[in-house]
Amino acid sequence: MKKETKFANIRTQLLGQAGVWAVASQLAIRGHIPIFPGVDYGWDLMLENGLKIQVKAASLMQNFGNLRNRYPGGVYHFNFRNSRLNYPGKRIDCVPRDYSKVADFFVLWGIDENRFWIMPTKQHKNSFFMCSRSPLNEFPQYVDIKRRNEDWENNWDSLNMNLTVETLIESAGKTVEDQEKI
């Protein structure tokens, strides 16, 4: 049993590292310079503009915990909690981890459909779910989860600080103009 637990841990680490590389390639395509830390500071990548990114990767699951067959087309589940394990490898507790203390953004990679979600670390504390693109997930019960999370998908512009600052300035300017009209 010890070998199986060790292999599962290595597989998880390999998938995590593959996620970092997948995100780094997407960032490079978009003109960013991804910087890899030499030491684990709690973030996976840093951009040339100083933003720190925590990468999470997940595969589609049909059965999730007690929710057997709740997502027939599959669901991605990204866990933002720390789990402490006891000797046989069973979880003894899960506690929320505040990633906002070490990173600015999550970039989540849905491996099976090669999808990316980009969101501030302050936005989610425990976990993030997203349904697959399967037609099986087009039923009304899945609309809410999709609508809640669709704005984060391919939200790469949020990592461009110049664009973000310009947007904030524009929105602040509109607010001032709107107030002057009153």
Foldseek 3Di string as FASTA:
>chain_A
DVVVLVVVVVVQVVQQVVQLVLVCVVCVVVPWHWDADPDCQLFGTATPVGFTEHEAEFEWDCQDVPCHNVQVQTKTKTFQWDFDADDVGDTPDTDWDQSLVRGQWYWYAHPPVRWIFIDGSVPDTGMAMDHDPDPSQPDPVNVVSCVVGVVRIPVVVVVVVVVVVVVVVVVVVVVVVVVVVD
